[in-house]
Amino acid sequence: MPLTTEQRRRNETSIRAAMDRLLLGQLPARGGCDLKTLAREAGVARTGFYARTDPQGNQRPGPYQHLAEEFQRRLADLREAGTVSDPRELQITRLKAENAKLRERVRERDARITELTEFKERALSQLAAQHEEILRLRQRADSPNNVRTLPTARKSRITGPCG
């Protein structure tokens, strides 16, 4: 059933009011600054923002397509000016930056862990080699071939003041 002129005028007024609220950043819970939220806030069907194709294949604009284009244009102008009306976009940007920092920290920690693991392996290898050397030296010291007899003192005549 086609819309009456009065219904269309009321819907357009409602869409413009919702558009202004969204572009000012007054977003509903679980809503963004997009056509879906705009339609929901204005109480109109979202399909009215898009062109329609009739059975013959001809396209004709949706009843509110001009408002959708205006909304997209104003949103693009705000973004270009650096004014982001969607707090979720700010949050996404912040989270992406935080994610990049955390990934860098993880890479640095992984590199440090690798470095410390290599150091530990070298230290253990050196300790094992030193332990083997100590065992070898102890075994050599304990072997019977290690004992030498010292020459006995010769009886000799001591000359000198004590003698």
N, C-alpha and C. Protein backbone atom coordinates (compact mmCIF):
# COMPACT_ATOMS: atom_id res chain seq x y z
N MET A 1 0.85 -1.17 0.00
CA MET A 1 0.00 0.00 0.00
C MET A 1 0.90 1.23 0.00
N PRO A 2 0.71 2.13 -0.97
CA PRO A 2 1.56 3.33 -1.06
C PRO A 2 1.30 4.27 0.11
N LEU A 3 2.35 5.05 0.41
CA LEU A 3 2.25 6.01 1.51
C LEU A 3 1.50 7.25 1.05
N THR A 4 0.76 7.81 1.97
CA THR A 4 0.10 9.08 1.67
C THR A 4 1.15 10.18 1.79
N THR A 5 0.84 11.33 1.26
CA THR A 5 1.75 12.47 1.33
C THR A 5 2.02 12.85 2.78
N GLU A 6 0.99 12.78 3.61
CA GLU A 6 1.14 13.13 5.02
C GLU A 6 2.05 12.12 5.74
N GLN A 7 1.86 10.83 5.46
CA GLN A 7 2.70 9.80 6.08
C GLN A 7 4.17 9.98 5.65
N ARG A 8 4.36 10.25 4.38
CA ARG A 8 5.72 10.44 3.86
C ARG A 8 6.38 11.65 4.52
N ARG A 9 5.63 12.76 4.67
CA ARG A 9 6.15 13.97 5.29
C ARG A 9 6.54 13.70 6.74
N ARG A 10 5.65 12.99 7.48
CA ARG A 10 5.93 12.64 8.87
C ARG A 10 7.17 11.74 8.98
N ASN A 11 7.25 10.77 8.10
CA ASN A 11 8.41 9.87 8.11
C ASN A 11 9.70 10.62 7.81
N GLU A 12 9.66 11.54 6.83
CA GLU A 12 10.85 12.32 6.50
C GLU A 12 11.27 13.19 7.67
N THR A 13 10.30 13.78 8.37
CA THR A 13 10.60 14.60 9.54
C THR A 13 11.23 13.73 10.62
N SER A 14 10.67 12.56 10.82
CA SER A 14 11.20 11.63 11.82
C SER A 14 12.61 11.17 11.44
N ILE A 15 12.83 10.91 10.16
CA ILE A 15 14.16 10.49 9.69
C ILE A 15 15.18 11.60 9.90
N ARG A 16 14.81 12.84 9.57
CA ARG A 16 15.74 13.97 9.73
C ARG A 16 16.08 14.18 11.22
N ALA A 17 15.09 14.03 12.09
CA ALA A 17 15.35 14.19 13.53
C ALA A 17 16.30 13.09 14.02
N ALA A 18 16.04 11.87 13.59
CA ALA A 18 16.90 10.75 13.98
C ALA A 18 18.31 10.94 13.40
N MET A 19 18.39 11.43 12.17
CA MET A 19 19.66 11.69 11.52
C MET A 19 20.48 12.69 12.33
N ASP A 20 19.83 13.78 12.75
CA ASP A 20 20.53 14.81 13.53
C ASP A 20 21.03 14.23 14.86
N ARG A 21 20.21 13.42 15.51
CA ARG A 21 20.64 12.82 16.78
C ARG A 21 21.85 11.91 16.59
N LEU A 22 21.77 11.06 15.58
CA LEU A 22 22.87 10.13 15.33
C LEU A 22 24.16 10.87 14.97
N LEU A 23 24.04 11.89 14.15
CA LEU A 23 25.23 12.63 13.74
C LEU A 23 25.81 13.46 14.89
N LEU A 24 25.01 13.73 15.90
CA LEU A 24 25.52 14.41 17.09
C LEU A 24 26.16 13.44 18.07
N GLY A 25 26.07 12.14 17.76
CA GLY A 25 26.68 11.13 18.62
C GLY A 25 25.74 10.54 19.63
N GLN A 26 24.45 10.84 19.55
CA GLN A 26 23.47 10.29 20.49
C GLN A 26 22.99 8.94 19.95
N LEU A 27 23.81 7.95 20.17
CA LEU A 27 23.52 6.63 19.63
C LEU A 27 22.78 5.78 20.65
N PRO A 28 21.82 5.00 20.19
CA PRO A 28 21.12 4.09 21.10
C PRO A 28 22.03 2.91 21.46
N ALA A 29 21.67 2.22 22.51
CA ALA A 29 22.42 1.03 22.88
C ALA A 29 22.34 0.04 21.73
N ARG A 30 23.46 -0.58 21.44
CA ARG A 30 23.56 -1.56 20.35
C ARG A 30 23.24 -0.96 18.99
N GLY A 31 23.44 0.32 18.86
CA GLY A 31 23.23 0.96 17.56
C GLY A 31 24.48 1.70 17.15
N GLY A 32 24.62 1.91 15.87
CA GLY A 32 25.76 2.65 15.35
C GLY A 32 25.27 3.83 14.56
N CYS A 33 26.20 4.49 13.94
CA CYS A 33 25.85 5.63 13.09
C CYS A 33 25.74 5.09 11.66
N ASP A 34 24.64 4.38 11.40
CA ASP A 34 24.45 3.75 10.10
C ASP A 34 22.97 3.78 9.71
N LEU A 35 22.70 3.33 8.49
CA LEU A 35 21.33 3.38 7.97
C LEU A 35 20.38 2.46 8.74
N LYS A 36 20.90 1.35 9.18
CA LYS A 36 20.05 0.41 9.93
C LYS A 36 19.55 1.08 11.21
N THR A 37 20.44 1.72 11.95
CA THR A 37 20.05 2.40 13.18
C THR A 37 19.16 3.59 12.87
N LEU A 38 19.48 4.30 11.79
CA LEU A 38 18.67 5.46 11.39
C LEU A 38 17.23 5.03 11.15
N ALA A 39 17.04 3.95 10.40
CA ALA A 39 15.69 3.46 10.12
C ALA A 39 14.99 3.04 11.41
N ARG A 40 15.70 2.34 12.28
CA ARG A 40 15.10 1.88 13.52
C ARG A 40 14.70 3.07 14.41
N GLU A 41 15.58 4.07 14.50
CA GLU A 41 15.30 5.25 15.33
C GLU A 41 14.15 6.09 14.76
N ALA A 42 14.05 6.11 13.44
CA ALA A 42 12.99 6.90 12.81
C ALA A 42 11.67 6.14 12.73
N GLY A 43 11.73 4.83 12.95
CA GLY A 43 10.51 4.03 12.90
C GLY A 43 10.03 3.75 11.48
N VAL A 44 10.97 3.67 10.54
CA VAL A 44 10.61 3.38 9.15
C VAL A 44 11.33 2.12 8.71
N ALA A 45 10.86 1.55 7.61
CA ALA A 45 11.51 0.36 7.06
C ALA A 45 12.82 0.77 6.39
N ARG A 46 13.85 -0.01 6.61
CA ARG A 46 15.16 0.30 6.04
C ARG A 46 15.14 0.22 4.52
N THR A 47 14.25 -0.59 3.98
CA THR A 47 14.21 -0.74 2.52
C THR A 47 13.87 0.56 1.81
N GLY A 48 13.26 1.50 2.51
CA GLY A 48 12.93 2.79 1.91
C GLY A 48 14.15 3.62 1.56
N PHE A 49 15.32 3.25 2.09
CA PHE A 49 16.55 3.98 1.80
C PHE A 49 17.25 3.51 0.52
N TYR A 50 16.74 2.43 -0.05
CA TYR A 50 17.43 1.84 -1.20
C TYR A 50 16.54 1.86 -2.44
N ALA A 51 17.20 1.83 -3.59
CA ALA A 51 16.47 1.80 -4.86
C ALA A 51 15.73 0.47 -4.99
N ARG A 52 14.65 0.52 -5.75
CA ARG A 52 13.85 -0.70 -5.96
C ARG A 52 13.83 -1.04 -7.44
N THR A 53 13.74 -2.32 -7.69
CA THR A 53 13.66 -2.79 -9.07
C THR A 53 12.27 -3.35 -9.28
N ASP A 54 11.59 -2.85 -10.32
CA ASP A 54 10.25 -3.36 -10.60
C ASP A 54 10.34 -4.64 -11.42
N PRO A 55 9.22 -5.32 -11.65
CA PRO A 55 9.25 -6.59 -12.38
C PRO A 55 9.84 -6.48 -13.79
N GLN A 56 9.80 -5.30 -14.37
CA GLN A 56 10.35 -5.13 -15.72
C GLN A 56 11.87 -4.91 -15.68
N GLY A 57 12.45 -4.81 -14.48
CA GLY A 57 13.89 -4.63 -14.35
C GLY A 57 14.30 -3.17 -14.26
N ASN A 58 13.32 -2.27 -14.21
CA ASN A 58 13.65 -0.85 -14.09
C ASN A 58 13.87 -0.49 -12.62
N GLN A 59 14.87 0.34 -12.38
CA GLN A 59 15.13 0.78 -11.01
C GLN A 59 14.49 2.13 -10.79
N ARG A 60 13.90 2.24 -9.61
CA ARG A 60 13.37 3.54 -9.23
C ARG A 60 13.83 3.80 -7.79
N PRO A 61 14.08 5.04 -7.47
CA PRO A 61 14.63 5.34 -6.14
C PRO A 61 13.63 5.00 -5.05
N GLY A 62 14.20 4.64 -3.89
CA GLY A 62 13.36 4.39 -2.72
C GLY A 62 12.79 5.72 -2.24
N PRO A 63 11.72 5.67 -1.47
CA PRO A 63 11.08 6.91 -1.04
C PRO A 63 11.98 7.78 -0.15
N TYR A 64 12.94 7.18 0.52
CA TYR A 64 13.81 7.96 1.41
C TYR A 64 15.28 7.86 0.99
N GLN A 65 15.50 7.45 -0.26
CA GLN A 65 16.87 7.28 -0.74
C GLN A 65 17.65 8.60 -0.68
N HIS A 66 16.97 9.70 -0.99
CA HIS A 66 17.65 11.00 -0.95
C HIS A 66 18.11 11.34 0.48
N LEU A 67 17.35 10.88 1.47
CA LEU A 67 17.74 11.11 2.86
C LEU A 67 18.92 10.21 3.26
N ALA A 68 18.93 9.01 2.72
CA ALA A 68 20.05 8.10 2.99
C ALA A 68 21.33 8.69 2.41
N GLU A 69 21.23 9.23 1.20
CA GLU A 69 22.40 9.85 0.56
C GLU A 69 22.86 11.08 1.35
N GLU A 70 21.91 11.86 1.83
CA GLU A 70 22.24 13.03 2.64
C GLU A 70 22.94 12.60 3.94
N PHE A 71 22.41 11.54 4.56
CA PHE A 71 23.00 11.02 5.80
C PHE A 71 24.43 10.56 5.55
N GLN A 72 24.64 9.79 4.49
CA GLN A 72 25.98 9.29 4.17
C GLN A 72 26.94 10.45 3.88
N ARG A 73 26.46 11.45 3.17
CA ARG A 73 27.29 12.62 2.84
C ARG A 73 27.68 13.39 4.11
N ARG A 74 26.70 13.64 4.97
CA ARG A 74 26.99 14.37 6.22
C ARG A 74 27.94 13.58 7.12
N LEU A 75 27.75 12.27 7.17
CA LEU A 75 28.63 11.41 7.96
C LEU A 75 30.05 11.45 7.40
N ALA A 76 30.19 11.39 6.09
CA ALA A 76 31.51 11.47 5.46
C ALA A 76 32.16 12.82 5.73
N ASP A 77 31.36 13.90 5.69
CA ASP A 77 31.90 15.24 5.98
C ASP A 77 32.41 15.32 7.42
N LEU A 78 31.66 14.75 8.35
CA LEU A 78 32.09 14.75 9.75
C LEU A 78 33.39 13.96 9.93
N ARG A 79 33.47 12.83 9.28
CA ARG A 79 34.68 12.00 9.40
C ARG A 79 35.88 12.72 8.78
N GLU A 80 35.64 13.36 7.65
CA GLU A 80 36.72 14.09 6.98
C GLU A 80 37.20 15.26 7.84
N ALA A 81 36.29 15.88 8.55
CA ALA A 81 36.64 17.01 9.42
C ALA A 81 37.30 16.53 10.71
N GLY A 82 37.33 15.22 10.93
CA GLY A 82 37.95 14.69 12.15
C GLY A 82 36.98 14.55 13.30
N THR A 83 35.73 14.81 13.08
CA THR A 83 34.71 14.66 14.12
C THR A 83 34.02 13.33 13.89
N VAL A 84 34.28 12.40 14.75
CA VAL A 84 33.67 11.08 14.62
C VAL A 84 32.45 11.06 15.51
N SER A 85 31.30 10.79 14.93
CA SER A 85 30.08 10.82 15.72
C SER A 85 29.76 9.47 16.35
N ASP A 86 30.46 8.44 15.93
CA ASP A 86 30.18 7.10 16.45
C ASP A 86 31.22 6.74 17.51
N PRO A 87 30.83 6.68 18.78
CA PRO A 87 31.79 6.33 19.83
C PRO A 87 32.39 4.95 19.63
N ARG A 88 31.66 4.08 18.95
CA ARG A 88 32.20 2.75 18.70
C ARG A 88 33.42 2.84 17.80
N GLU A 89 33.41 3.77 16.84
CA GLU A 89 34.56 3.94 15.96
C GLU A 89 35.77 4.40 16.77
N LEU A 90 35.55 5.30 17.72
CA LEU A 90 36.64 5.74 18.58
C LEU A 90 37.17 4.57 19.39
N GLN A 91 36.26 3.76 19.90
CA GLN A 91 36.66 2.60 20.69
C GLN A 91 37.42 1.61 19.82
N ILE A 92 36.95 1.39 18.61
CA ILE A 92 37.63 0.47 17.69
C ILE A 92 39.03 0.99 17.38
N THR A 93 39.16 2.27 17.12
CA THR A 93 40.47 2.86 16.84
C THR A 93 41.39 2.70 18.04
N ARG A 94 40.86 2.98 19.23
CA ARG A 94 41.66 2.85 20.45
C ARG A 94 42.08 1.40 20.67
N LEU A 95 41.15 0.48 20.46
CA LEU A 95 41.46 -0.93 20.66
C LEU A 95 42.46 -1.45 19.63
N LYS A 96 42.38 -0.95 18.41
CA LYS A 96 43.36 -1.36 17.40
C LYS A 96 44.75 -0.88 17.78
N ALA A 97 44.85 0.36 18.27
CA ALA A 97 46.15 0.88 18.70
C ALA A 97 46.67 0.08 19.89
N GLU A 98 45.79 -0.21 20.84
CA GLU A 98 46.19 -1.00 22.01
C GLU A 98 46.61 -2.40 21.60
N ASN A 99 45.90 -2.98 20.66
CA ASN A 99 46.22 -4.30 20.15
C ASN A 99 47.60 -4.30 19.50
N ALA A 100 47.90 -3.26 18.72
CA ALA A 100 49.21 -3.17 18.07
C ALA A 100 50.33 -3.08 19.12
N LYS A 101 50.10 -2.29 20.18
CA LYS A 101 51.10 -2.17 21.25
C LYS A 101 51.30 -3.52 21.93
N LEU A 102 50.20 -4.21 22.22
CA LEU A 102 50.30 -5.50 22.89
C LEU A 102 51.00 -6.53 22.02
N ARG A 103 50.72 -6.50 20.73
CA ARG A 103 51.40 -7.44 19.82
C ARG A 103 52.91 -7.16 19.81
N GLU A 104 53.28 -5.89 19.83
CA GLU A 104 54.70 -5.53 19.87
C GLU A 104 55.34 -6.02 21.17
N ARG A 105 54.63 -5.83 22.28
CA ARG A 105 55.15 -6.32 23.56
C ARG A 105 55.31 -7.83 23.55
N VAL A 106 54.36 -8.53 22.95
CA VAL A 106 54.46 -10.00 22.88
C VAL A 106 55.67 -10.39 22.03
N ARG A 107 55.88 -9.69 20.90
CA ARG A 107 57.05 -9.99 20.06
C ARG A 107 58.35 -9.76 20.84
N GLU A 108 58.42 -8.65 21.58
CA GLU A 108 59.60 -8.36 22.38
C GLU A 108 59.81 -9.42 23.46
N ARG A 109 58.72 -9.81 24.11
CA ARG A 109 58.84 -10.83 25.16
C ARG A 109 59.25 -12.17 24.56
N ASP A 110 58.69 -12.52 23.40
CA ASP A 110 59.07 -13.78 22.75
C ASP A 110 60.56 -13.77 22.41
N ALA A 111 61.05 -12.63 21.90
CA ALA A 111 62.47 -12.52 21.57
C ALA A 111 63.32 -12.66 22.83
N ARG A 112 62.89 -12.04 23.92
CA ARG A 112 63.63 -12.11 25.18
C ARG A 112 63.61 -13.54 25.73
N ILE A 113 62.47 -14.20 25.64
CA ILE A 113 62.37 -15.60 26.10
C ILE A 113 63.31 -16.49 25.29
N THR A 114 63.34 -16.27 23.98
CA THR A 114 64.24 -17.05 23.13
C THR A 114 65.69 -16.81 23.52
N GLU A 115 66.04 -15.55 23.75
CA GLU A 115 67.39 -15.18 24.16
C GLU A 115 67.76 -15.84 25.49
N LEU A 116 66.85 -15.78 26.46
CA LEU A 116 67.12 -16.36 27.77
C LEU A 116 67.18 -17.89 27.71
N THR A 117 66.37 -18.49 26.87
CA THR A 117 66.40 -19.95 26.71
C THR A 117 67.74 -20.38 26.13
N GLU A 118 68.22 -19.64 25.13
CA GLU A 118 69.53 -19.97 24.55
C GLU A 118 70.63 -19.79 25.59
N PHE A 119 70.54 -18.73 26.39
CA PHE A 119 71.54 -18.50 27.45
C PHE A 119 71.52 -19.65 28.45
N LYS A 120 70.33 -20.07 28.85
CA LYS A 120 70.19 -21.17 29.81
C LYS A 120 70.81 -22.45 29.25
N GLU A 121 70.56 -22.73 27.97
CA GLU A 121 71.11 -23.95 27.37
C GLU A 121 72.63 -23.89 27.32
N ARG A 122 73.19 -22.70 26.99
CA ARG A 122 74.65 -22.56 26.99
C ARG A 122 75.22 -22.73 28.39
N ALA A 123 74.55 -22.11 29.37
CA ALA A 123 75.02 -22.20 30.76
C ALA A 123 74.97 -23.64 31.25
N LEU A 124 73.89 -24.36 30.96
CA LEU A 124 73.79 -25.76 31.38
C LEU A 124 74.86 -26.61 30.69
N SER A 125 75.11 -26.33 29.44
CA SER A 125 76.13 -27.07 28.71
C SER A 125 77.50 -26.82 29.32
N GLN A 126 77.80 -25.57 29.66
CA GLN A 126 79.08 -25.25 30.29
C GLN A 126 79.19 -25.90 31.67
N LEU A 127 78.12 -25.86 32.43
CA LEU A 127 78.13 -26.50 33.75
C LEU A 127 78.35 -28.02 33.63
N ALA A 128 77.70 -28.63 32.66
CA ALA A 128 77.87 -30.07 32.45
C ALA A 128 79.32 -30.37 32.07
N ALA A 129 79.91 -29.56 31.20
CA ALA A 129 81.31 -29.77 30.80
C ALA A 129 82.23 -29.58 32.00
N GLN A 130 81.98 -28.57 32.82
CA GLN A 130 82.80 -28.34 34.01
C GLN A 130 82.66 -29.51 35.01
N HIS A 131 81.43 -30.01 35.15
CA HIS A 131 81.20 -31.14 36.05
C HIS A 131 81.99 -32.36 35.56
N GLU A 132 81.94 -32.62 34.26
CA GLU A 132 82.70 -33.75 33.70
C GLU A 132 84.19 -33.58 33.95
N GLU A 133 84.69 -32.35 33.80
CA GLU A 133 86.11 -32.08 34.04
C GLU A 133 86.46 -32.31 35.51
N ILE A 134 85.61 -31.89 36.42
CA ILE A 134 85.84 -32.11 37.86
C ILE A 134 85.86 -33.60 38.16
N LEU A 135 84.92 -34.35 37.61
CA LEU A 135 84.89 -35.80 37.82
C LEU A 135 86.16 -36.46 37.28
N ARG A 136 86.59 -36.02 36.11
CA ARG A 136 87.80 -36.58 35.50
C ARG A 136 89.02 -36.29 36.38
N LEU A 137 89.11 -35.06 36.88
CA LEU A 137 90.25 -34.70 37.73
C LEU A 137 90.21 -35.45 39.06
N ARG A 138 89.04 -35.65 39.64
CA ARG A 138 88.92 -36.41 40.89
C ARG A 138 89.34 -37.87 40.68
N GLN A 139 88.89 -38.40 39.57
CA GLN A 139 89.23 -39.80 39.28
C GLN A 139 90.74 -39.93 39.10
N ARG A 140 91.34 -38.99 38.43
CA ARG A 140 92.78 -39.02 38.22
C ARG A 140 93.51 -38.87 39.55
N ALA A 141 92.97 -38.02 40.45
CA ALA A 141 93.61 -37.83 41.75
C ALA A 141 93.48 -39.06 42.63
N ASP A 142 92.40 -39.80 42.46
CA ASP A 142 92.17 -41.00 43.28
C ASP A 142 92.88 -42.24 42.75
N SER A 143 93.43 -42.20 41.58
CA SER A 143 94.04 -43.40 41.01
C SER A 143 95.37 -43.70 41.71
N PRO A 144 95.73 -44.99 41.83
CA PRO A 144 96.96 -45.37 42.53
C PRO A 144 98.21 -44.90 41.77
N ASN A 145 98.14 -44.68 40.54
CA ASN A 145 99.30 -44.23 39.77
C ASN A 145 99.64 -42.78 40.09
N ASN A 146 98.76 -42.13 40.81
CA ASN A 146 98.97 -40.72 41.13
C ASN A 146 99.90 -40.55 42.34
N VAL A 147 100.14 -41.62 43.08
CA VAL A 147 100.95 -41.54 44.29
C VAL A 147 102.41 -41.70 43.90
N ARG A 148 103.22 -40.80 44.33
CA ARG A 148 104.65 -40.87 44.06
C ARG A 148 105.39 -40.88 45.39
N THR A 149 106.40 -41.59 45.41
CA THR A 149 107.19 -41.60 46.62
C THR A 149 108.17 -40.45 46.57
N LEU A 150 108.29 -39.82 47.68
CA LEU A 150 109.20 -38.70 47.76
C LEU A 150 110.59 -39.23 48.14
N PRO A 151 111.58 -38.60 47.64
CA PRO A 151 112.93 -39.07 48.00
C PRO A 151 113.15 -38.91 49.51
N THR A 152 113.82 -39.85 50.07
CA THR A 152 114.09 -39.80 51.50
C THR A 152 115.23 -38.82 51.77
N ALA A 153 115.23 -38.33 52.93
CA ALA A 153 116.26 -37.37 53.28
C ALA A 153 117.58 -38.10 53.43
N ARG A 154 118.61 -37.61 52.88
CA ARG A 154 119.94 -38.21 52.98
C ARG A 154 120.60 -37.72 54.25
N LYS A 155 121.30 -38.60 54.81
CA LYS A 155 122.04 -38.18 55.98
C LYS A 155 123.27 -37.47 55.46
N SER A 156 123.32 -36.31 55.74
CA SER A 156 124.47 -35.55 55.31
C SER A 156 124.97 -34.72 56.46
N ARG A 157 126.11 -34.42 56.37
CA ARG A 157 126.71 -33.64 57.42
C ARG A 157 126.33 -32.20 57.22
N ILE A 158 125.80 -31.67 58.24
CA ILE A 158 125.36 -30.30 58.13
C ILE A 158 126.51 -29.45 58.65
N THR A 159 126.81 -28.54 57.87
CA THR A 159 127.85 -27.62 58.28
C THR A 159 127.22 -26.30 58.52
N GLY A 160 127.68 -25.71 59.45
CA GLY A 160 127.13 -24.39 59.72
C GLY A 160 127.07 -24.15 61.19
N PRO A 161 126.47 -23.10 61.61
CA PRO A 161 126.47 -22.72 63.00
C PRO A 161 125.76 -23.71 63.89
N CYS A 162 124.87 -24.52 63.38
CA CYS A 162 124.13 -25.45 64.23
C CYS A 162 124.87 -26.79 64.31
N GLY A 163 125.76 -27.02 63.50
CA GLY A 163 126.30 -28.28 63.33
C GLY A 163 127.34 -28.82 64.09
